[in-house]
Amino acid sequence: MTAWQPIETAPRNDDRILVMGGTWIRGNKQRIPQEFPCLVVWDETEWLICDNEGPRSVVHGPKFWAPMPEG
């Protein structure tokens, strides 16, 4: 199991990573506490949620990150 690391150390490239903490901002602008791991990618200015099929959703202010598990 991978340990969670401070978000300041997260790669800001095209790598998909898991983040936790902060606020999930859904495409309809609803704000929800991000209390579970979420798959994201850095999109130049913010953490874009990768598995969203609707309007663009992001995570603002995540606290921790972890690499994707191998396998």
PDB file of N, CA and C in Angstrom:
ATOM      1  N   MET A   1       0.842  -1.184   0.000  1.00  0.00           N
ATOM      2  CA  MET A   1       0.000   0.000   0.000  1.00  0.00           C
ATOM      3  C   MET A   1       0.887   1.247   0.000  1.00  0.00           C
ATOM      4  N   THR A   2       0.531   2.221  -0.793  1.00  0.00           N
ATOM      5  CA  THR A   2       1.300   3.452  -0.911  1.00  0.00           C
ATOM      6  C   THR A   2       0.866   4.452   0.153  1.00  0.00           C
ATOM      7  N   ALA A   3       1.849   5.104   0.763  1.00  0.00           N
ATOM      8  CA  ALA A   3       1.543   6.111   1.776  1.00  0.00           C
ATOM      9  C   ALA A   3       1.141   7.418   1.100  1.00  0.00           C
ATOM     10  N   TRP A   4       0.209   8.119   1.710  1.00  0.00           N
ATOM     11  CA  TRP A   4      -0.202   9.430   1.210  1.00  0.00           C
ATOM     12  C   TRP A   4       0.917  10.427   1.477  1.00  0.00           C
ATOM     13  N   GLN A   5       1.125  11.328   0.534  1.00  0.00           N
ATOM     14  CA  GLN A   5       2.185  12.322   0.609  1.00  0.00           C
ATOM     15  C   GLN A   5       1.572  13.729   0.549  1.00  0.00           C
ATOM     16  N   PRO A   6       2.273  14.744   1.049  1.00  0.00           N
ATOM     17  CA  PRO A   6       1.746  16.112   0.964  1.00  0.00           C
ATOM     18  C   PRO A   6       1.534  16.522  -0.493  1.00  0.00           C
ATOM     19  N   ILE A   7       0.468  17.239  -0.760  1.00  0.00           N
ATOM     20  CA  ILE A   7       0.124  17.624  -2.129  1.00  0.00           C
ATOM     21  C   ILE A   7       1.211  18.482  -2.773  1.00  0.00           C
ATOM     22  N   GLU A   8       1.985  19.188  -1.971  1.00  0.00           N
ATOM     23  CA  GLU A   8       3.059  20.034  -2.517  1.00  0.00           C
ATOM     24  C   GLU A   8       4.108  19.217  -3.278  1.00  0.00           C
ATOM     25  N   THR A   9       4.174  17.914  -3.011  1.00  0.00           N
ATOM     26  CA  THR A   9       5.163  17.058  -3.686  1.00  0.00           C
ATOM     27  C   THR A   9       4.590  16.326  -4.899  1.00  0.00           C
ATOM     28  N   ALA A  10       3.320  16.564  -5.224  1.00  0.00           N
ATOM     29  CA  ALA A  10       2.663  15.854  -6.334  1.00  0.00           C
ATOM     30  C   ALA A  10       3.217  16.292  -7.678  1.00  0.00           C
ATOM     31  N   PRO A  11       3.329  15.351  -8.631  1.00  0.00           N
ATOM     32  CA  PRO A  11       3.764  15.721  -9.984  1.00  0.00           C
ATOM     33  C   PRO A  11       2.711  16.561 -10.680  1.00  0.00           C
ATOM     34  N   ARG A  12       3.140  17.591 -11.326  1.00  0.00           N
ATOM     35  CA  ARG A  12       2.213  18.448 -12.081  1.00  0.00           C
ATOM     36  C   ARG A  12       2.535  18.284 -13.567  1.00  0.00           C
ATOM     37  N   ASN A  13       2.151  17.122 -14.064  1.00  0.00           N
ATOM     38  CA  ASN A  13       2.361  16.763 -15.471  1.00  0.00           C
ATOM     39  C   ASN A  13       1.130  15.991 -15.937  1.00  0.00           C
ATOM     40  N   ASP A  14       1.294  15.088 -16.869  1.00  0.00           N
ATOM     41  CA  ASP A  14       0.152  14.334 -17.392  1.00  0.00           C
ATOM     42  C   ASP A  14      -0.124  13.048 -16.633  1.00  0.00           C
ATOM     43  N   ASP A  15       0.600  12.793 -15.515  1.00  0.00           N
ATOM     44  CA  ASP A  15       0.382  11.575 -14.730  1.00  0.00           C
ATOM     45  C   ASP A  15      -0.948  11.643 -13.987  1.00  0.00           C
ATOM     46  N   ARG A  16      -1.680  10.558 -14.024  1.00  0.00           N
ATOM     47  CA  ARG A  16      -2.898  10.461 -13.220  1.00  0.00           C
ATOM     48  C   ARG A  16      -2.495  10.031 -11.821  1.00  0.00           C
ATOM     49  N   ILE A  17      -3.027  10.710 -10.820  1.00  0.00           N
ATOM     50  CA  ILE A  17      -2.716  10.400  -9.431  1.00  0.00           C
ATOM     51  C   ILE A  17      -4.009  10.388  -8.621  1.00  0.00           C
ATOM     52  N   LEU A  18      -3.920   9.891  -7.410  1.00  0.00           N
ATOM     53  CA  LEU A  18      -5.032   9.939  -6.472  1.00  0.00           C
ATOM     54  C   LEU A  18      -4.827  11.117  -5.531  1.00  0.00           C
ATOM     55  N   VAL A  19      -5.889  11.841  -5.227  1.00  0.00           N
ATOM     56  CA  VAL A  19      -5.813  12.924  -4.252  1.00  0.00           C
ATOM     57  C   VAL A  19      -6.923  12.733  -3.221  1.00  0.00           C
ATOM     58  N   MET A  20      -6.723  13.369  -2.068  1.00  0.00           N
ATOM     59  CA  MET A  20      -7.714  13.294  -1.003  1.00  0.00           C
ATOM     60  C   MET A  20      -7.666  14.596  -0.215  1.00  0.00           C
ATOM     61  N   GLY A  21      -8.806  15.008   0.297  1.00  0.00           N
ATOM     62  CA  GLY A  21      -8.903  16.262   1.039  1.00  0.00           C
ATOM     63  C   GLY A  21      -9.281  17.381   0.081  1.00  0.00           C
ATOM     64  N   GLY A  22      -9.586  18.523   0.593  1.00  0.00           N
ATOM     65  CA  GLY A  22      -9.962  19.651  -0.248  1.00  0.00           C
ATOM     66  C   GLY A  22     -11.442  19.649  -0.554  1.00  0.00           C
ATOM     67  N   THR A  23     -11.808  20.273  -1.664  1.00  0.00           N
ATOM     68  CA  THR A  23     -13.208  20.435  -2.053  1.00  0.00           C
ATOM     69  C   THR A  23     -13.415  19.980  -3.492  1.00  0.00           C
ATOM     70  N   TRP A  24     -14.388  19.119  -3.679  1.00  0.00           N
ATOM     71  CA  TRP A  24     -14.784  18.664  -5.018  1.00  0.00           C
ATOM     72  C   TRP A  24     -15.785  19.677  -5.531  1.00  0.00           C
ATOM     73  N   ILE A  25     -15.496  20.261  -6.676  1.00  0.00           N
ATOM     74  CA  ILE A  25     -16.414  21.216  -7.297  1.00  0.00           C
ATOM     75  C   ILE A  25     -16.966  20.566  -8.562  1.00  0.00           C
ATOM     76  N   ARG A  26     -18.215  20.200  -8.472  1.00  0.00           N
ATOM     77  CA  ARG A  26     -18.857  19.500  -9.575  1.00  0.00           C
ATOM     78  C   ARG A  26     -19.140  20.455 -10.718  1.00  0.00           C
ATOM     79  N   GLY A  27     -19.440  19.905 -11.866  1.00  0.00           N
ATOM     80  CA  GLY A  27     -19.729  20.710 -13.050  1.00  0.00           C
ATOM     81  C   GLY A  27     -20.878  21.686 -12.862  1.00  0.00           C
ATOM     82  N   ASN A  28     -21.804  21.358 -11.953  1.00  0.00           N
ATOM     83  CA  ASN A  28     -22.930  22.259 -11.694  1.00  0.00           C
ATOM     84  C   ASN A  28     -22.603  23.256 -10.582  1.00  0.00           C
ATOM     85  N   LYS A  29     -21.327  23.346 -10.212  1.00  0.00           N
ATOM     86  CA  LYS A  29     -20.811  24.276  -9.193  1.00  0.00           C
ATOM     87  C   LYS A  29     -21.134  23.868  -7.758  1.00  0.00           C
ATOM     88  N   GLN A  30     -21.742  22.692  -7.569  1.00  0.00           N
ATOM     89  CA  GLN A  30     -21.975  22.198  -6.215  1.00  0.00           C
ATOM     90  C   GLN A  30     -20.633  21.880  -5.562  1.00  0.00           C
ATOM     91  N   ARG A  31     -20.442  22.284  -4.314  1.00  0.00           N
ATOM     92  CA  ARG A  31     -19.190  22.075  -3.585  1.00  0.00           C
ATOM     93  C   ARG A  31     -19.404  20.978  -2.546  1.00  0.00           C
ATOM     94  N   ILE A  32     -18.533  19.960  -2.588  1.00  0.00           N
ATOM     95  CA  ILE A  32     -18.648  18.807  -1.700  1.00  0.00           C
ATOM     96  C   ILE A  32     -17.276  18.540  -1.086  1.00  0.00           C
ATOM     97  N   PRO A  33     -17.188  18.299   0.233  1.00  0.00           N
ATOM     98  CA  PRO A  33     -15.893  17.935   0.819  1.00  0.00           C
ATOM     99  C   PRO A  33     -15.351  16.667   0.158  1.00  0.00           C
ATOM    100  N   GLN A  34     -14.070  16.675  -0.202  1.00  0.00           N
ATOM    101  CA  GLN A  34     -13.441  15.526  -0.862  1.00  0.00           C
ATOM    102  C   GLN A  34     -12.890  14.596   0.223  1.00  0.00           C
ATOM    103  N   GLU A  35     -13.735  13.692   0.703  1.00  0.00           N
ATOM    104  CA  GLU A  35     -13.379  12.821   1.816  1.00  0.00           C
ATOM    105  C   GLU A  35     -12.971  11.423   1.378  1.00  0.00           C
ATOM    106  N   PHE A  36     -12.852  11.193   0.079  1.00  0.00           N
ATOM    107  CA  PHE A  36     -12.483   9.880  -0.440  1.00  0.00           C
ATOM    108  C   PHE A  36     -11.453  10.075  -1.551  1.00  0.00           C
ATOM    109  N   PRO A  37     -10.627   9.076  -1.839  1.00  0.00           N
ATOM    110  CA  PRO A  37      -9.644   9.217  -2.919  1.00  0.00           C
ATOM    111  C   PRO A  37     -10.318   9.451  -4.266  1.00  0.00           C
ATOM    112  N   CYS A  38      -9.679  10.269  -5.080  1.00  0.00           N
ATOM    113  CA  CYS A  38     -10.232  10.625  -6.381  1.00  0.00           C
ATOM    114  C   CYS A  38      -9.107  10.643  -7.416  1.00  0.00           C
ATOM    115  N   LEU A  39      -9.367  10.114  -8.594  1.00  0.00           N
ATOM    116  CA  LEU A  39      -8.404  10.090  -9.679  1.00  0.00           C
ATOM    117  C   LEU A  39      -8.420  11.435 -10.404  1.00  0.00           C
ATOM    118  N   VAL A  40      -7.249  12.087 -10.466  1.00  0.00           N
ATOM    119  CA  VAL A  40      -7.149  13.406 -11.094  1.00  0.00           C
ATOM    120  C   VAL A  40      -5.908  13.500 -11.968  1.00  0.00           C
ATOM    121  N   VAL A  41      -5.854  14.571 -12.752  1.00  0.00           N
ATOM    122  CA  VAL A  41      -4.672  14.930 -13.519  1.00  0.00           C
ATOM    123  C   VAL A  41      -4.529  16.447 -13.430  1.00  0.00           C
ATOM    124  N   TRP A  42      -3.287  16.928 -13.400  1.00  0.00           N
ATOM    125  CA  TRP A  42      -3.039  18.369 -13.351  1.00  0.00           C
ATOM    126  C   TRP A  42      -3.371  18.958 -14.714  1.00  0.00           C
ATOM    127  N   ASP A  43      -4.168  20.009 -14.735  1.00  0.00           N
ATOM    128  CA  ASP A  43      -4.614  20.620 -15.990  1.00  0.00           C
ATOM    129  C   ASP A  43      -4.162  22.082 -16.057  1.00  0.00           C
ATOM    130  N   GLU A  44      -2.858  22.287 -15.959  1.00  0.00           N
ATOM    131  CA  GLU A  44      -2.238  23.612 -16.045  1.00  0.00           C
ATOM    132  C   GLU A  44      -2.496  24.508 -14.833  1.00  0.00           C
ATOM    133  N   THR A  45      -3.728  24.512 -14.285  1.00  0.00           N
ATOM    134  CA  THR A  45      -4.047  25.399 -13.164  1.00  0.00           C
ATOM    135  C   THR A  45      -4.816  24.727 -12.034  1.00  0.00           C
ATOM    136  N   GLU A  46      -5.337  23.515 -12.262  1.00  0.00           N
ATOM    137  CA  GLU A  46      -6.165  22.858 -11.245  1.00  0.00           C
ATOM    138  C   GLU A  46      -6.161  21.344 -11.438  1.00  0.00           C
ATOM    139  N   TRP A  47      -6.664  20.639 -10.433  1.00  0.00           N
ATOM    140  CA  TRP A  47      -6.736  19.176 -10.469  1.00  0.00           C
ATOM    141  C   TRP A  47      -8.068  18.761 -11.088  1.00  0.00           C
ATOM    142  N   LEU A  48      -8.018  18.244 -12.297  1.00  0.00           N
ATOM    143  CA  LEU A  48      -9.194  17.832 -13.060  1.00  0.00           C
ATOM    144  C   LEU A  48      -9.533  16.377 -12.740  1.00  0.00           C
ATOM    145  N   ILE A  49     -10.788  16.116 -12.421  1.00  0.00           N
ATOM    146  CA  ILE A  49     -11.222  14.746 -12.126  1.00  0.00           C
ATOM    147  C   ILE A  49     -11.291  13.964 -13.428  1.00  0.00           C
ATOM    148  N   CYS A  50     -10.629  12.814 -13.461  1.00  0.00           N
ATOM    149  CA  CYS A  50     -10.510  12.020 -14.688  1.00  0.00           C
ATOM    150  C   CYS A  50     -11.725  11.153 -14.991  1.00  0.00           C
ATOM    151  N   ASP A  51     -12.414  10.693 -13.986  1.00  0.00           N
ATOM    152  CA  ASP A  51     -13.481   9.728 -14.217  1.00  0.00           C
ATOM    153  C   ASP A  51     -14.869  10.356 -14.240  1.00  0.00           C
ATOM    154  N   ASN A  52     -14.962  11.609 -14.583  1.00  0.00           N
ATOM    155  CA  ASN A  52     -16.230  12.314 -14.626  1.00  0.00           C
ATOM    156  C   ASN A  52     -16.773  12.287 -16.050  1.00  0.00           C
ATOM    157  N   GLU A  53     -18.020  11.840 -16.219  1.00  0.00           N
ATOM    158  CA  GLU A  53     -18.605  11.771 -17.556  1.00  0.00           C
ATOM    159  C   GLU A  53     -19.474  12.979 -17.887  1.00  0.00           C
ATOM    160  N   GLY A  54     -19.749  13.806 -16.895  1.00  0.00           N
ATOM    161  CA  GLY A  54     -20.592  14.973 -17.112  1.00  0.00           C
ATOM    162  C   GLY A  54     -19.751  16.223 -17.297  1.00  0.00           C
ATOM    163  N   PRO A  55     -20.297  17.371 -16.904  1.00  0.00           N
ATOM    164  CA  PRO A  55     -19.553  18.632 -17.011  1.00  0.00           C
ATOM    165  C   PRO A  55     -18.251  18.575 -16.203  1.00  0.00           C
ATOM    166  N   ARG A  56     -17.313  19.384 -16.575  1.00  0.00           N
ATOM    167  CA  ARG A  56     -15.990  19.438 -15.951  1.00  0.00           C
ATOM    168  C   ARG A  56     -16.081  19.565 -14.427  1.00  0.00           C
ATOM    169  N   SER A  57     -15.398  18.684 -13.721  1.00  0.00           N
ATOM    170  CA  SER A  57     -15.335  18.720 -12.270  1.00  0.00           C
ATOM    171  C   SER A  57     -13.879  18.770 -11.840  1.00  0.00           C
ATOM    172  N   VAL A  58     -13.594  19.468 -10.752  1.00  0.00           N
ATOM    173  CA  VAL A  58     -12.230  19.627 -10.262  1.00  0.00           C
ATOM    174  C   VAL A  58     -12.193  19.435  -8.752  1.00  0.00           C
ATOM    175  N   VAL A  59     -10.972  19.244  -8.230  1.00  0.00           N
ATOM    176  CA  VAL A  59     -10.749  19.214  -6.792  1.00  0.00           C
ATOM    177  C   VAL A  59      -9.866  20.407  -6.460  1.00  0.00           C
ATOM    178  N   HIS A  60     -10.368  21.298  -5.608  1.00  0.00           N
ATOM    179  CA  HIS A  60      -9.592  22.458  -5.163  1.00  0.00           C
ATOM    180  C   HIS A  60      -9.008  22.172  -3.790  1.00  0.00           C
ATOM    181  N   GLY A  61      -7.750  22.500  -3.628  1.00  0.00           N
ATOM    182  CA  GLY A  61      -7.102  22.408  -2.329  1.00  0.00           C
ATOM    183  C   GLY A  61      -6.941  21.023  -1.757  1.00  0.00           C
ATOM    184  N   PRO A  62      -6.621  19.987  -2.587  1.00  0.00           N
ATOM    185  CA  PRO A  62      -6.408  18.678  -1.982  1.00  0.00           C
ATOM    186  C   PRO A  62      -5.238  18.744  -1.004  1.00  0.00           C
ATOM    187  N   LYS A  63      -5.272  17.889   0.001  1.00  0.00           N
ATOM    188  CA  LYS A  63      -4.231  17.892   1.033  1.00  0.00           C
ATOM    189  C   LYS A  63      -3.153  16.842   0.785  1.00  0.00           C
ATOM    190  N   PHE A  64      -3.534  15.708   0.198  1.00  0.00           N
ATOM    191  CA  PHE A  64      -2.616  14.589   0.031  1.00  0.00           C
ATOM    192  C   PHE A  64      -2.743  13.984  -1.364  1.00  0.00           C
ATOM    193  N   TRP A  65      -1.683  13.272  -1.774  1.00  0.00           N
ATOM    194  CA  TRP A  65      -1.721  12.572  -3.048  1.00  0.00           C
ATOM    195  C   TRP A  65      -1.008  11.235  -2.895  1.00  0.00           C
ATOM    196  N   ALA A  66      -1.291  10.315  -3.826  1.00  0.00           N
ATOM    197  CA  ALA A  66      -0.618   9.027  -3.909  1.00  0.00           C
ATOM    198  C   ALA A  66      -0.574   8.615  -5.376  1.00  0.00           C
ATOM    199  N   PRO A  67       0.484   7.897  -5.785  1.00  0.00           N
ATOM    200  CA  PRO A  67       0.523   7.415  -7.166  1.00  0.00           C
ATOM    201  C   PRO A  67      -0.531   6.331  -7.385  1.00  0.00           C
ATOM    202  N   MET A  68      -0.880   6.121  -8.637  1.00  0.00           N
ATOM    203  CA  MET A  68      -1.821   5.050  -8.976  1.00  0.00           C
ATOM    204  C   MET A  68      -1.188   3.712  -8.615  1.00  0.00           C
ATOM    205  N   PRO A  69      -1.965   2.803  -8.008  1.00  0.00           N
ATOM    206  CA  PRO A  69      -1.413   1.475  -7.715  1.00  0.00           C
ATOM    207  C   PRO A  69      -1.062   0.754  -9.003  1.00  0.00           C
ATOM    208  N   GLU A  70       0.004  -0.016  -8.975  1.00  0.00           N
ATOM    209  CA  GLU A  70       0.393  -0.787 -10.164  1.00  0.00           C
ATOM    210  C   GLU A  70      -0.460  -2.047 -10.237  1.00  0.00           C
ATOM    211  N   GLY A  71      -0.694  -2.477 -11.474  1.00  0.00           N
ATOM    212  CA  GLY A  71      -1.390  -3.729 -11.608  1.00  0.00           C
ATOM    213  C   GLY A  71      -2.485  -3.751 -12.544  1.00  0.00           C
TER     214      GLY A  71
END
